[in-house]
PDB file of N, CA and C in Angstrom:
ATOM      1  N   MET A   1     107.203 102.501 107.004  1.00  0.00           N
ATOM      2  CA  MET A   1     108.092 101.403 106.651  1.00  0.00           C
ATOM      3  C   MET A   1     109.316 101.949 105.943  1.00  0.00           C
ATOM      4  N   LYS A   2     110.474 101.543 106.420  1.00  0.00           N
ATOM      5  CA  LYS A   2     111.716 101.880 105.738  1.00  0.00           C
ATOM      6  C   LYS A   2     111.883 100.939 104.560  1.00  0.00           C
ATOM      7  N   TYR A   3     112.627 101.393 103.538  1.00  0.00           N
ATOM      8  CA  TYR A   3     112.826 100.535 102.381  1.00  0.00           C
ATOM      9  C   TYR A   3     113.614  99.285 102.721  1.00  0.00           C
ATOM     10  N   SER A   4     114.349  99.298 103.833  1.00  0.00           N
ATOM     11  CA  SER A   4     115.099  98.102 104.217  1.00  0.00           C
ATOM     12  C   SER A   4     114.186  97.046 104.845  1.00  0.00           C
ATOM     13  N   ASP A   5     112.981  97.456 105.269  1.00  0.00           N
ATOM     14  CA  ASP A   5     112.024  96.523 105.843  1.00  0.00           C
ATOM     15  C   ASP A   5     111.180  95.911 104.728  1.00  0.00           C
ATOM     16  N   LEU A   6     110.856  94.656 104.881  1.00  0.00           N
ATOM     17  CA  LEU A   6     109.978  94.000 103.918  1.00  0.00           C
ATOM     18  C   LEU A   6     108.565  93.949 104.480  1.00  0.00           C
ATOM     19  N   ASN A   7     107.600  94.238 103.640  1.00  0.00           N
ATOM     20  CA  ASN A   7     106.205  94.145 104.027  1.00  0.00           C
ATOM     21  C   ASN A   7     105.718  92.746 103.641  1.00  0.00           C
ATOM     22  N   TYR A   8     105.786  91.828 104.590  1.00  0.00           N
ATOM     23  CA  TYR A   8     105.448  90.433 104.308  1.00  0.00           C
ATOM     24  C   TYR A   8     103.960  90.248 104.027  1.00  0.00           C
ATOM     25  N   GLU A   9     103.128  91.118 104.576  1.00  0.00           N
ATOM     26  CA  GLU A   9     101.694  91.041 104.278  1.00  0.00           C
ATOM     27  C   GLU A   9     101.450  91.369 102.800  1.00  0.00           C
ATOM     28  N   ASP A  10     102.129  92.387 102.296  1.00  0.00           N
ATOM     29  CA  ASP A  10     102.010  92.740 100.877  1.00  0.00           C
ATOM     30  C   ASP A  10     102.536  91.607  99.997  1.00  0.00           C
ATOM     31  N   ILE A  11     103.662  91.054 100.368  1.00  0.00           N
ATOM     32  CA  ILE A  11     104.227  89.922  99.613  1.00  0.00           C
ATOM     33  C   ILE A  11     103.224  88.772  99.586  1.00  0.00           C
ATOM     34  N   GLY A  12     102.646  88.463 100.723  1.00  0.00           N
ATOM     35  CA  GLY A  12     101.673  87.377 100.807  1.00  0.00           C
ATOM     36  C   GLY A  12     100.439  87.638  99.968  1.00  0.00           C
ATOM     37  N   ASN A  13      99.955  88.877 100.004  1.00  0.00           N
ATOM     38  CA  ASN A  13      98.780  89.222  99.199  1.00  0.00           C
ATOM     39  C   ASN A  13      99.049  89.062  97.711  1.00  0.00           C
ATOM     40  N   ARG A  14     100.245  89.439  97.285  1.00  0.00           N
ATOM     41  CA  ARG A  14     100.589  89.308  95.870  1.00  0.00           C
ATOM     42  C   ARG A  14     100.697  87.829  95.487  1.00  0.00           C
ATOM     43  N   ILE A  15     101.287  87.024  96.354  1.00  0.00           N
ATOM     44  CA  ILE A  15     101.381  85.580  96.094  1.00  0.00           C
ATOM     45  C   ILE A  15      99.975  84.998  95.982  1.00  0.00           C
ATOM     46  N   LYS A  16      99.096  85.360  96.905  1.00  0.00           N
ATOM     47  CA  LYS A  16      97.724  84.863  96.885  1.00  0.00           C
ATOM     48  C   LYS A  16      97.020  85.257  95.584  1.00  0.00           C
ATOM     49  N   THR A  17      97.198  86.496  95.169  1.00  0.00           N
ATOM     50  CA  THR A  17      96.574  86.971  93.929  1.00  0.00           C
ATOM     51  C   THR A  17      97.072  86.172  92.735  1.00  0.00           C
ATOM     52  N   PHE A  18      98.390  86.001  92.638  1.00  0.00           N
ATOM     53  CA  PHE A  18      98.955  85.235  91.522  1.00  0.00           C
ATOM     54  C   PHE A  18      98.504  83.779  91.568  1.00  0.00           C
ATOM     55  N   ARG A  19      98.422  83.206  92.774  1.00  0.00           N
ATOM     56  CA  ARG A  19      97.983  81.817  92.921  1.00  0.00           C
ATOM     57  C   ARG A  19      96.554  81.657  92.416  1.00  0.00           C
ATOM     58  N   LYS A  20      95.700  82.580  92.798  1.00  0.00           N
ATOM     59  CA  LYS A  20      94.298  82.495  92.372  1.00  0.00           C
ATOM     60  C   LYS A  20      94.163  82.709  90.866  1.00  0.00           C
ATOM     61  N   GLU A  21      95.001  83.601  90.299  1.00  0.00           N
ATOM     62  CA  GLU A  21      94.982  83.806  88.849  1.00  0.00           C
ATOM     63  C   GLU A  21      95.337  82.516  88.106  1.00  0.00           C
ATOM     64  N   LYS A  22      96.157  81.686  88.720  1.00  0.00           N
ATOM     65  CA  LYS A  22      96.557  80.402  88.128  1.00  0.00           C
ATOM     66  C   LYS A  22      95.590  79.277  88.499  1.00  0.00           C
ATOM     67  N   ASN A  23      94.534  79.623  89.224  1.00  0.00           N
ATOM     68  CA  ASN A  23      93.541  78.635  89.668  1.00  0.00           C
ATOM     69  C   ASN A  23      94.178  77.506  90.468  1.00  0.00           C
ATOM     70  N   LEU A  24      95.124  77.867  91.320  1.00  0.00           N
ATOM     71  CA  LEU A  24      95.779  76.889  92.182  1.00  0.00           C
ATOM     72  C   LEU A  24      95.244  77.017  93.600  1.00  0.00           C
ATOM     73  N   THR A  25      95.055  75.897  94.254  1.00  0.00           N
ATOM     74  CA  THR A  25      94.727  75.912  95.674  1.00  0.00           C
ATOM     75  C   THR A  25      96.027  76.085  96.456  1.00  0.00           C
ATOM     76  N   GLN A  26      95.889  76.398  97.734  1.00  0.00           N
ATOM     77  CA  GLN A  26      97.080  76.461  98.581  1.00  0.00           C
ATOM     78  C   GLN A  26      97.755  75.091  98.620  1.00  0.00           C
ATOM     79  N   GLN A  27      96.963  74.045  98.662  1.00  0.00           N
ATOM     80  CA  GLN A  27      97.500  72.681  98.694  1.00  0.00           C
ATOM     81  C   GLN A  27      98.323  72.385  97.448  1.00  0.00           C
ATOM     82  N   LYS A  28      97.797  72.752  96.271  1.00  0.00           N
ATOM     83  CA  LYS A  28      98.497  72.473  95.015  1.00  0.00           C
ATOM     84  C   LYS A  28      99.802  73.269  94.962  1.00  0.00           C
ATOM     85  N   LEU A  29      99.762  74.541  95.363  1.00  0.00           N
ATOM     86  CA  LEU A  29     100.990  75.345  95.378  1.00  0.00           C
ATOM     87  C   LEU A  29     101.998  74.743  96.349  1.00  0.00           C
ATOM     88  N   ALA A  30     101.527  74.337  97.506  1.00  0.00           N
ATOM     89  CA  ALA A  30     102.416  73.714  98.496  1.00  0.00           C
ATOM     90  C   ALA A  30     103.076  72.462  97.926  1.00  0.00           C
ATOM     91  N   ASP A  31     102.292  71.655  97.215  1.00  0.00           N
ATOM     92  CA  ASP A  31     102.831  70.436  96.602  1.00  0.00           C
ATOM     93  C   ASP A  31     103.914  70.773  95.575  1.00  0.00           C
ATOM     94  N   ILE A  32     103.658  71.771  94.747  1.00  0.00           N
ATOM     95  CA  ILE A  32     104.624  72.158  93.705  1.00  0.00           C
ATOM     96  C   ILE A  32     105.913  72.680  94.334  1.00  0.00           C
ATOM     97  N   VAL A  33     105.764  73.490  95.375  1.00  0.00           N
ATOM     98  CA  VAL A  33     106.917  74.143  96.009  1.00  0.00           C
ATOM     99  C   VAL A  33     107.592  73.235  97.030  1.00  0.00           C
ATOM    100  N   ASP A  34     106.901  72.143  97.398  1.00  0.00           N
ATOM    101  CA  ASP A  34     107.407  71.180  98.378  1.00  0.00           C
ATOM    102  C   ASP A  34     107.496  71.784  99.778  1.00  0.00           C
ATOM    103  N   ILE A  35     106.379  72.417 100.176  1.00  0.00           N
ATOM    104  CA  ILE A  35     106.238  72.909 101.546  1.00  0.00           C
ATOM    105  C   ILE A  35     104.859  72.457 102.031  1.00  0.00           C
ATOM    106  N   VAL A  36     104.611  72.593 103.324  1.00  0.00           N
ATOM    107  CA  VAL A  36     103.307  72.198 103.855  1.00  0.00           C
ATOM    108  C   VAL A  36     102.277  73.291 103.561  1.00  0.00           C
ATOM    109  N   THR A  37     101.035  72.870 103.428  1.00  0.00           N
ATOM    110  CA  THR A  37      99.958  73.800 103.083  1.00  0.00           C
ATOM    111  C   THR A  37      99.837  74.931 104.096  1.00  0.00           C
ATOM    112  N   SER A  38      99.994  74.620 105.364  1.00  0.00           N
ATOM    113  CA  SER A  38      99.868  75.668 106.379  1.00  0.00           C
ATOM    114  C   SER A  38     100.931  76.747 106.193  1.00  0.00           C
ATOM    115  N   ASN A  39     102.083  76.377 105.645  1.00  0.00           N
ATOM    116  CA  ASN A  39     103.132  77.364 105.387  1.00  0.00           C
ATOM    117  C   ASN A  39     102.687  78.336 104.291  1.00  0.00           C
ATOM    118  N   VAL A  40     102.021  77.821 103.254  1.00  0.00           N
ATOM    119  CA  VAL A  40     101.492  78.703 102.206  1.00  0.00           C
ATOM    120  C   VAL A  40     100.500  79.676 102.822  1.00  0.00           C
ATOM    121  N   SER A  41      99.640  79.188 103.684  1.00  0.00           N
ATOM    122  CA  SER A  41      98.659  80.033 104.351  1.00  0.00           C
ATOM    123  C   SER A  41      99.341  81.137 105.161  1.00  0.00           C
ATOM    124  N   HIS A  42     100.375  80.766 105.921  1.00  0.00           N
ATOM    125  CA  HIS A  42     101.106  81.751 106.729  1.00  0.00           C
ATOM    126  C   HIS A  42     101.810  82.782 105.845  1.00  0.00           C
ATOM    127  N   ILE A  43     102.382  82.319 104.745  1.00  0.00           N
ATOM    128  CA  ILE A  43     103.060  83.227 103.814  1.00  0.00           C
ATOM    129  C   ILE A  43     102.056  84.208 103.223  1.00  0.00           C
ATOM    130  N   GLU A  44     100.906  83.704 102.793  1.00  0.00           N
ATOM    131  CA  GLU A  44      99.905  84.566 102.170  1.00  0.00           C
ATOM    132  C   GLU A  44      99.327  85.582 103.148  1.00  0.00           C
ATOM    133  N   ARG A  45      99.262  85.237 104.410  1.00  0.00           N
ATOM    134  CA  ARG A  45      98.764  86.184 105.417  1.00  0.00           C
ATOM    135  C   ARG A  45      99.868  87.109 105.923  1.00  0.00           C
ATOM    136  N   GLY A  46     101.107  86.818 105.568  1.00  0.00           N
ATOM    137  CA  GLY A  46     102.224  87.645 106.011  1.00  0.00           C
ATOM    138  C   GLY A  46     102.615  87.416 107.451  1.00  0.00           C
ATOM    139  N   THR A  47     102.234  86.263 107.996  1.00  0.00           N
ATOM    140  CA  THR A  47     102.549  85.979 109.396  1.00  0.00           C
ATOM    141  C   THR A  47     103.856  85.222 109.562  1.00  0.00           C
ATOM    142  N   THR A  48     104.482  84.892 108.448  1.00  0.00           N
ATOM    143  CA  THR A  48     105.787  84.240 108.488  1.00  0.00           C
ATOM    144  C   THR A  48     106.677  84.880 107.436  1.00  0.00           C
ATOM    145  N   LYS A  49     107.956  84.877 107.681  1.00  0.00           N
ATOM    146  CA  LYS A  49     108.915  85.433 106.727  1.00  0.00           C
ATOM    147  C   LYS A  49     109.306  84.335 105.749  1.00  0.00           C
ATOM    148  N   VAL A  50     108.983  84.566 104.491  1.00  0.00           N
ATOM    149  CA  VAL A  50     109.293  83.577 103.467  1.00  0.00           C
ATOM    150  C   VAL A  50     110.782  83.646 103.146  1.00  0.00           C
ATOM    151  N   SER A  51     111.415  82.492 103.050  1.00  0.00           N
ATOM    152  CA  SER A  51     112.844  82.461 102.727  1.00  0.00           C
ATOM    153  C   SER A  51     113.048  82.746 101.246  1.00  0.00           C
ATOM    154  N   LEU A  52     114.233  83.178 100.898  1.00  0.00           N
ATOM    155  CA  LEU A  52     114.543  83.464  99.500  1.00  0.00           C
ATOM    156  C   LEU A  52     114.408  82.220  98.620  1.00  0.00           C
ATOM    157  N   PRO A  53     114.932  81.065  99.023  1.00  0.00           N
ATOM    158  CA  PRO A  53     114.749  79.880  98.178  1.00  0.00           C
ATOM    159  C   PRO A  53     113.267  79.531  97.967  1.00  0.00           C
ATOM    160  N   THR A  54     112.454  79.656  99.021  1.00  0.00           N
ATOM    161  CA  THR A  54     111.027  79.371  98.886  1.00  0.00           C
ATOM    162  C   THR A  54     110.352  80.406  98.007  1.00  0.00           C
ATOM    163  N   LEU A  55     110.744  81.656  98.145  1.00  0.00           N
ATOM    164  CA  LEU A  55     110.174  82.723  97.317  1.00  0.00           C
ATOM    165  C   LEU A  55     110.452  82.462  95.839  1.00  0.00           C
ATOM    166  N   VAL A  56     111.655  82.028  95.530  1.00  0.00           N
ATOM    167  CA  VAL A  56     112.012  81.717  94.137  1.00  0.00           C
ATOM    168  C   VAL A  56     111.184  80.526  93.639  1.00  0.00           C
ATOM    169  N   LYS A  57     111.022  79.508  94.470  1.00  0.00           N
ATOM    170  CA  LYS A  57     110.208  78.349  94.079  1.00  0.00           C
ATOM    171  C   LYS A  57     108.756  78.766  93.831  1.00  0.00           C
ATOM    172  N   ILE A  58     108.236  79.634  94.687  1.00  0.00           N
ATOM    173  CA  ILE A  58     106.860  80.113  94.523  1.00  0.00           C
ATOM    174  C   ILE A  58     106.734  80.910  93.227  1.00  0.00           C
ATOM    175  N   ALA A  59     107.678  81.802  92.977  1.00  0.00           N
ATOM    176  CA  ALA A  59     107.653  82.600  91.746  1.00  0.00           C
ATOM    177  C   ALA A  59     107.675  81.691  90.519  1.00  0.00           C
ATOM    178  N   ASN A  60     108.523  80.692  90.536  1.00  0.00           N
ATOM    179  CA  ASN A  60     108.595  79.755  89.416  1.00  0.00           C
ATOM    180  C   ASN A  60     107.288  78.976  89.254  1.00  0.00           C
ATOM    181  N   ALA A  61     106.714  78.538  90.364  1.00  0.00           N
ATOM    182  CA  ALA A  61     105.464  77.781  90.315  1.00  0.00           C
ATOM    183  C   ALA A  61     104.320  78.638  89.766  1.00  0.00           C
ATOM    184  N   LEU A  62     104.340  79.926  90.089  1.00  0.00           N
ATOM    185  CA  LEU A  62     103.274  80.831  89.650  1.00  0.00           C
ATOM    186  C   LEU A  62     103.580  81.494  88.306  1.00  0.00           C
ATOM    187  N   GLU A  63     104.769  81.189  87.779  1.00  0.00           N
ATOM    188  CA  GLU A  63     105.209  81.741  86.495  1.00  0.00           C
ATOM    189  C   GLU A  63     105.208  83.266  86.498  1.00  0.00           C
ATOM    190  N   VAL A  64     105.743  83.837  87.589  1.00  0.00           N
ATOM    191  CA  VAL A  64     105.930  85.279  87.718  1.00  0.00           C
ATOM    192  C   VAL A  64     107.364  85.511  88.165  1.00  0.00           C
ATOM    193  N   THR A  65     107.796  86.743  88.107  1.00  0.00           N
ATOM    194  CA  THR A  65     109.133  87.059  88.579  1.00  0.00           C
ATOM    195  C   THR A  65     109.090  87.370  90.074  1.00  0.00           C
ATOM    196  N   VAL A  66     110.231  87.227  90.712  1.00  0.00           N
ATOM    197  CA  VAL A  66     110.343  87.611  92.116  1.00  0.00           C
ATOM    198  C   VAL A  66     110.068  89.112  92.235  1.00  0.00           C
ATOM    199  N   ASP A  67     110.473  89.894  91.234  1.00  0.00           N
ATOM    200  CA  ASP A  67     110.188  91.330  91.228  1.00  0.00           C
ATOM    201  C   ASP A  67     108.689  91.598  91.333  1.00  0.00           C
ATOM    202  N   GLU A  68     107.892  90.813  90.605  1.00  0.00           N
ATOM    203  CA  GLU A  68     106.445  91.009  90.653  1.00  0.00           C
ATOM    204  C   GLU A  68     105.893  90.722  92.042  1.00  0.00           C
ATOM    205  N   ILE A  69     106.458  89.752  92.725  1.00  0.00           N
ATOM    206  CA  ILE A  69     106.018  89.429  94.080  1.00  0.00           C
ATOM    207  C   ILE A  69     106.473  90.500  95.065  1.00  0.00           C
ATOM    208  N   LEU A  70     107.681  91.000  94.888  1.00  0.00           N
ATOM    209  CA  LEU A  70     108.241  91.990  95.810  1.00  0.00           C
ATOM    210  C   LEU A  70     107.905  93.428  95.438  1.00  0.00           C
ATOM    211  N   CYS A  71     107.137  93.595  94.390  1.00  0.00           N
ATOM    212  CA  CYS A  71     106.858  94.895  93.792  1.00  0.00           C
ATOM    213  C   CYS A  71     106.677  96.029  94.807  1.00  0.00           C
ATOM    214  N   GLY A  72     105.827  95.854  95.784  1.00  0.00           N
ATOM    215  CA  GLY A  72     105.567  96.918  96.749  1.00  0.00           C
ATOM    216  C   GLY A  72     106.725  97.216  97.672  1.00  0.00           C
ATOM    217  N   ASN A  73     107.745  96.389  97.649  1.00  0.00           N
ATOM    218  CA  ASN A  73     108.898  96.550  98.529  1.00  0.00           C
ATOM    219  C   ASN A  73     110.126  97.079  97.802  1.00  0.00           C
ATOM    220  N   VAL A  74     109.996  97.335  96.503  1.00  0.00           N
ATOM    221  CA  VAL A  74     111.135  97.740  95.696  1.00  0.00           C
ATOM    222  C   VAL A  74     111.007  99.215  95.332  1.00  0.00           C
ATOM    223  N   LYS A  75     112.091  99.973  95.518  1.00  0.00           N
ATOM    224  CA  LYS A  75     112.046 101.411  95.236  1.00  0.00           C
ATOM    225  C   LYS A  75     111.652 101.693  93.790  1.00  0.00           C
ATOM    226  N   GLN A  76     112.148 100.910  92.869  1.00  0.00           N
ATOM    227  CA  GLN A  76     111.900 101.135  91.448  1.00  0.00           C
ATOM    228  C   GLN A  76     110.746 100.274  90.947  1.00  0.00           C
ATOM    229  N   ALA A  77     109.662 100.238  91.707  1.00  0.00           N
ATOM    230  CA  ALA A  77     108.541  99.357  91.393  1.00  0.00           C
ATOM    231  C   ALA A  77     107.534  99.972  90.426  1.00  0.00           C
ATOM    232  N   ALA A  78     107.687 101.230  90.061  1.00  0.00           N
ATOM    233  CA  ALA A  78     106.683 101.912  89.237  1.00  0.00           C
ATOM    234  C   ALA A  78     106.301 101.133  87.976  1.00  0.00           C
ATOM    235  N   PRO A  79     107.254 100.605  87.202  1.00  0.00           N
ATOM    236  CA  PRO A  79     106.843  99.867  86.005  1.00  0.00           C
ATOM    237  C   PRO A  79     105.977  98.640  86.325  1.00  0.00           C
ATOM    238  N   LEU A  80     106.282  97.965  87.416  1.00  0.00           N
ATOM    239  CA  LEU A  80     105.498  96.788  87.798  1.00  0.00           C
ATOM    240  C   LEU A  80     104.105  97.193  88.274  1.00  0.00           C
ATOM    241  N   ILE A  81     104.034  98.289  89.000  1.00  0.00           N
ATOM    242  CA  ILE A  81     102.736  98.780  89.478  1.00  0.00           C
ATOM    243  C   ILE A  81     101.887  99.230  88.294  1.00  0.00           C
ATOM    244  N   LYS A  82     102.503  99.904  87.341  1.00  0.00           N
ATOM    245  CA  LYS A  82     101.766 100.328  86.139  1.00  0.00           C
ATOM    246  C   LYS A  82     101.255  99.119  85.367  1.00  0.00           C
ATOM    247  N   LYS A  83     102.045  98.060  85.348  1.00  0.00           N
ATOM    248  CA  LYS A  83     101.621  96.818  84.680  1.00  0.00           C
ATOM    249  C   LYS A  83     100.407  96.233  85.398  1.00  0.00           C
ATOM    250  N   ASP A  84     100.415  96.265  86.730  1.00  0.00           N
ATOM    251  CA  ASP A  84      99.279  95.773  87.510  1.00  0.00           C
ATOM    252  C   ASP A  84      98.021  96.586  87.210  1.00  0.00           C
ATOM    253  N   ILE A  85      98.183  97.904  87.131  1.00  0.00           N
ATOM    254  CA  ILE A  85      97.040  98.772  86.837  1.00  0.00           C
ATOM    255  C   ILE A  85      96.499  98.475  85.436  1.00  0.00           C
ATOM    256  N   ALA A  86      97.393  98.326  84.474  1.00  0.00           N
ATOM    257  CA  ALA A  86      96.958  98.017  83.109  1.00  0.00           C
ATOM    258  C   ALA A  86      96.185  96.701  83.072  1.00  0.00           C
ATOM    259  N   LYS A  87      96.643  95.709  83.850  1.00  0.00           N
ATOM    260  CA  LYS A  87      95.956  94.418  83.888  1.00  0.00           C
ATOM    261  C   LYS A  87      94.551  94.573  84.481  1.00  0.00           C
ATOM    262  N   LEU A  88      94.432  95.419  85.499  1.00  0.00           N
ATOM    263  CA  LEU A  88      93.126  95.665  86.112  1.00  0.00           C
ATOM    264  C   LEU A  88      92.161  96.337  85.136  1.00  0.00           C
ATOM    265  N   LEU A  89      92.693  97.204  84.300  1.00  0.00           N
ATOM    266  CA  LEU A  89      91.853  97.965  83.372  1.00  0.00           C
ATOM    267  C   LEU A  89      91.543  97.202  82.093  1.00  0.00           C
ATOM    268  N   ASP A  90      92.270  96.155  81.837  1.00  0.00           N
ATOM    269  CA  ASP A  90      92.209  95.442  80.566  1.00  0.00           C
ATOM    270  C   ASP A  90      90.811  94.988  80.162  1.00  0.00           C
ATOM    271  N   ASP A  91      90.017  94.522  81.115  1.00  0.00           N
ATOM    272  CA  ASP A  91      88.697  94.001  80.766  1.00  0.00           C
ATOM    273  C   ASP A  91      87.556  94.980  81.058  1.00  0.00           C
ATOM    274  N   CYS A  92      87.886  96.257  81.292  1.00  0.00           N
ATOM    275  CA  CYS A  92      86.866  97.254  81.597  1.00  0.00           C
ATOM    276  C   CYS A  92      86.201  97.777  80.328  1.00  0.00           C
ATOM    277  N   ASN A  93      84.923  98.059  80.445  1.00  0.00           N
ATOM    278  CA  ASN A  93      84.222  98.691  79.330  1.00  0.00           C
ATOM    279  C   ASN A  93      84.434 100.208  79.419  1.00  0.00           C
ATOM    280  N   PRO A  94      84.059 100.959  78.392  1.00  0.00           N
ATOM    281  CA  PRO A  94      84.305 102.409  78.396  1.00  0.00           C
ATOM    282  C   PRO A  94      83.711 103.138  79.604  1.00  0.00           C
ATOM    283  N   LYS A  95      82.515 102.743  80.031  1.00  0.00           N
ATOM    284  CA  LYS A  95      81.901 103.400  81.195  1.00  0.00           C
ATOM    285  C   LYS A  95      82.731 103.155  82.456  1.00  0.00           C
ATOM    286  N   GLU A  96      83.169 101.910  82.636  1.00  0.00           N
ATOM    287  CA  GLU A  96      84.002 101.588  83.799  1.00  0.00           C
ATOM    288  C   GLU A  96      85.324 102.341  83.749  1.00  0.00           C
ATOM    289  N   LEU A  97      85.918 102.437  82.567  1.00  0.00           N
ATOM    290  CA  LEU A  97      87.179 103.176  82.424  1.00  0.00           C
ATOM    291  C   LEU A  97      87.009 104.643  82.801  1.00  0.00           C
ATOM    292  N   LYS A  98      85.910 105.245  82.406  1.00  0.00           N
ATOM    293  CA  LYS A  98      85.656 106.652  82.742  1.00  0.00           C
ATOM    294  C   LYS A  98      85.516 106.819  84.244  1.00  0.00           C
ATOM    295  N   ILE A  99      84.749 105.948  84.878  1.00  0.00           N
ATOM    296  CA  ILE A  99      84.565 106.025  86.332  1.00  0.00           C
ATOM    297  C   ILE A  99      85.903 105.847  87.048  1.00  0.00           C
ATOM    298  N   LEU A 100      86.668 104.861  86.636  1.00  0.00           N
ATOM    299  CA  LEU A 100      87.964 104.612  87.275  1.00  0.00           C
ATOM    300  C   LEU A 100      88.937 105.764  87.041  1.00  0.00           C
ATOM    301  N   THR A 101      88.888 106.360  85.863  1.00  0.00           N
ATOM    302  CA  THR A 101      89.736 107.522  85.583  1.00  0.00           C
ATOM    303  C   THR A 101      89.376 108.667  86.520  1.00  0.00           C
ATOM    304  N   ASP A 102      88.077 108.927  86.680  1.00  0.00           N
ATOM    305  CA  ASP A 102      87.640 109.988  87.592  1.00  0.00           C
ATOM    306  C   ASP A 102      88.107 109.725  89.022  1.00  0.00           C
ATOM    307  N   ILE A 103      88.018 108.466  89.454  1.00  0.00           N
ATOM    308  CA  ILE A 103      88.464 108.090  90.797  1.00  0.00           C
ATOM    309  C   ILE A 103      89.968 108.312  90.937  1.00  0.00           C
ATOM    310  N   LEU A 104      90.741 107.898  89.928  1.00  0.00           N
ATOM    311  CA  LEU A 104      92.197 108.073  89.979  1.00  0.00           C
ATOM    312  C   LEU A 104      92.586 109.543  90.010  1.00  0.00           C
ATOM    313  N   VAL A 105      91.930 110.357  89.206  1.00  0.00           N
ATOM    314  CA  VAL A 105      92.227 111.795  89.186  1.00  0.00           C
ATOM    315  C   VAL A 105      91.956 112.403  90.563  1.00  0.00           C
ATOM    316  N   ALA A 106      90.801 112.084  91.140  1.00  0.00           N
ATOM    317  CA  ALA A 106      90.456 112.616  92.461  1.00  0.00           C
ATOM    318  C   ALA A 106      91.417 112.104  93.532  1.00  0.00           C
ATOM    319  N   SER A 107      91.751 110.815  93.458  1.00  0.00           N
ATOM    320  CA  SER A 107      92.673 110.229  94.441  1.00  0.00           C
ATOM    321  C   SER A 107      94.058 110.856  94.348  1.00  0.00           C
ATOM    322  N   LYS A 108      94.550 111.029  93.148  1.00  0.00           N
ATOM    323  CA  LYS A 108      95.868 111.631  92.932  1.00  0.00           C
ATOM    324  C   LYS A 108      95.905 113.047  93.497  1.00  0.00           C
ATOM    325  N   LYS A 109      94.841 113.817  93.250  1.00  0.00           N
ATOM    326  CA  LYS A 109      94.775 115.186  93.754  1.00  0.00           C
ATOM    327  C   LYS A 109      94.788 115.195  95.274  1.00  0.00           C
ATOM    328  N   THR A 110      93.995 114.302  95.882  1.00  0.00           N
ATOM    329  CA  THR A 110      93.948 114.216  97.338  1.00  0.00           C
ATOM    330  C   THR A 110      95.303 113.848  97.929  1.00  0.00           C
ATOM    331  N   ILE A 111      95.964 112.874  97.320  1.00  0.00           N
ATOM    332  CA  ILE A 111      97.280 112.453  97.807  1.00  0.00           C
ATOM    333  C   ILE A 111      98.270 113.601  97.716  1.00  0.00           C
ATOM    334  N   ARG A 112      98.300 114.282  96.598  1.00  0.00           N
ATOM    335  CA  ARG A 112      99.262 115.375  96.413  1.00  0.00           C
ATOM    336  C   ARG A 112      98.943 116.572  97.290  1.00  0.00           C
ATOM    337  N   ASP A 113      97.671 116.845  97.518  1.00  0.00           N
ATOM    338  CA  ASP A 113      97.279 117.972  98.370  1.00  0.00           C
ATOM    339  C   ASP A 113      97.628 117.721  99.832  1.00  0.00           C
ATOM    340  N   ASN A 114      97.692 116.467 100.226  1.00  0.00           N
ATOM    341  CA  ASN A 114      97.950 116.115 101.632  1.00  0.00           C
ATOM    342  C   ASN A 114      99.396 115.764 101.935  1.00  0.00           C
ATOM    343  N   HIS A 115     100.259 115.871 100.930  1.00  0.00           N
ATOM    344  CA  HIS A 115     101.681 115.550 101.182  1.00  0.00           C
ATOM    345  C   HIS A 115     102.554 116.719 100.899  1.00  0.00           C
TER     346      HIS A 115
END
């Protein structure tokens, strides 16, 4: 993927994650954003290109920034990705943190060795 291309599947997955974190159904999000429920479904699956005005409405409804939704599509996304990782680790116990650290170390080594 070139940086000029948008990964709509990634955008949709992030919207779905944020929606679920807010305990919203697709129907409720659609009502807030004033779109049909099937459109939310298509956006979340990445099968439709979400318009900028709709993306802004979705971000506002989910109380996140457009940057957070587009994170995987932005060159300077590292701070947002680190924030996502910190959120994932936030509720881990020490044993889980150790296991995840070991996995990250091994994964990082594999990625660097293969590139």
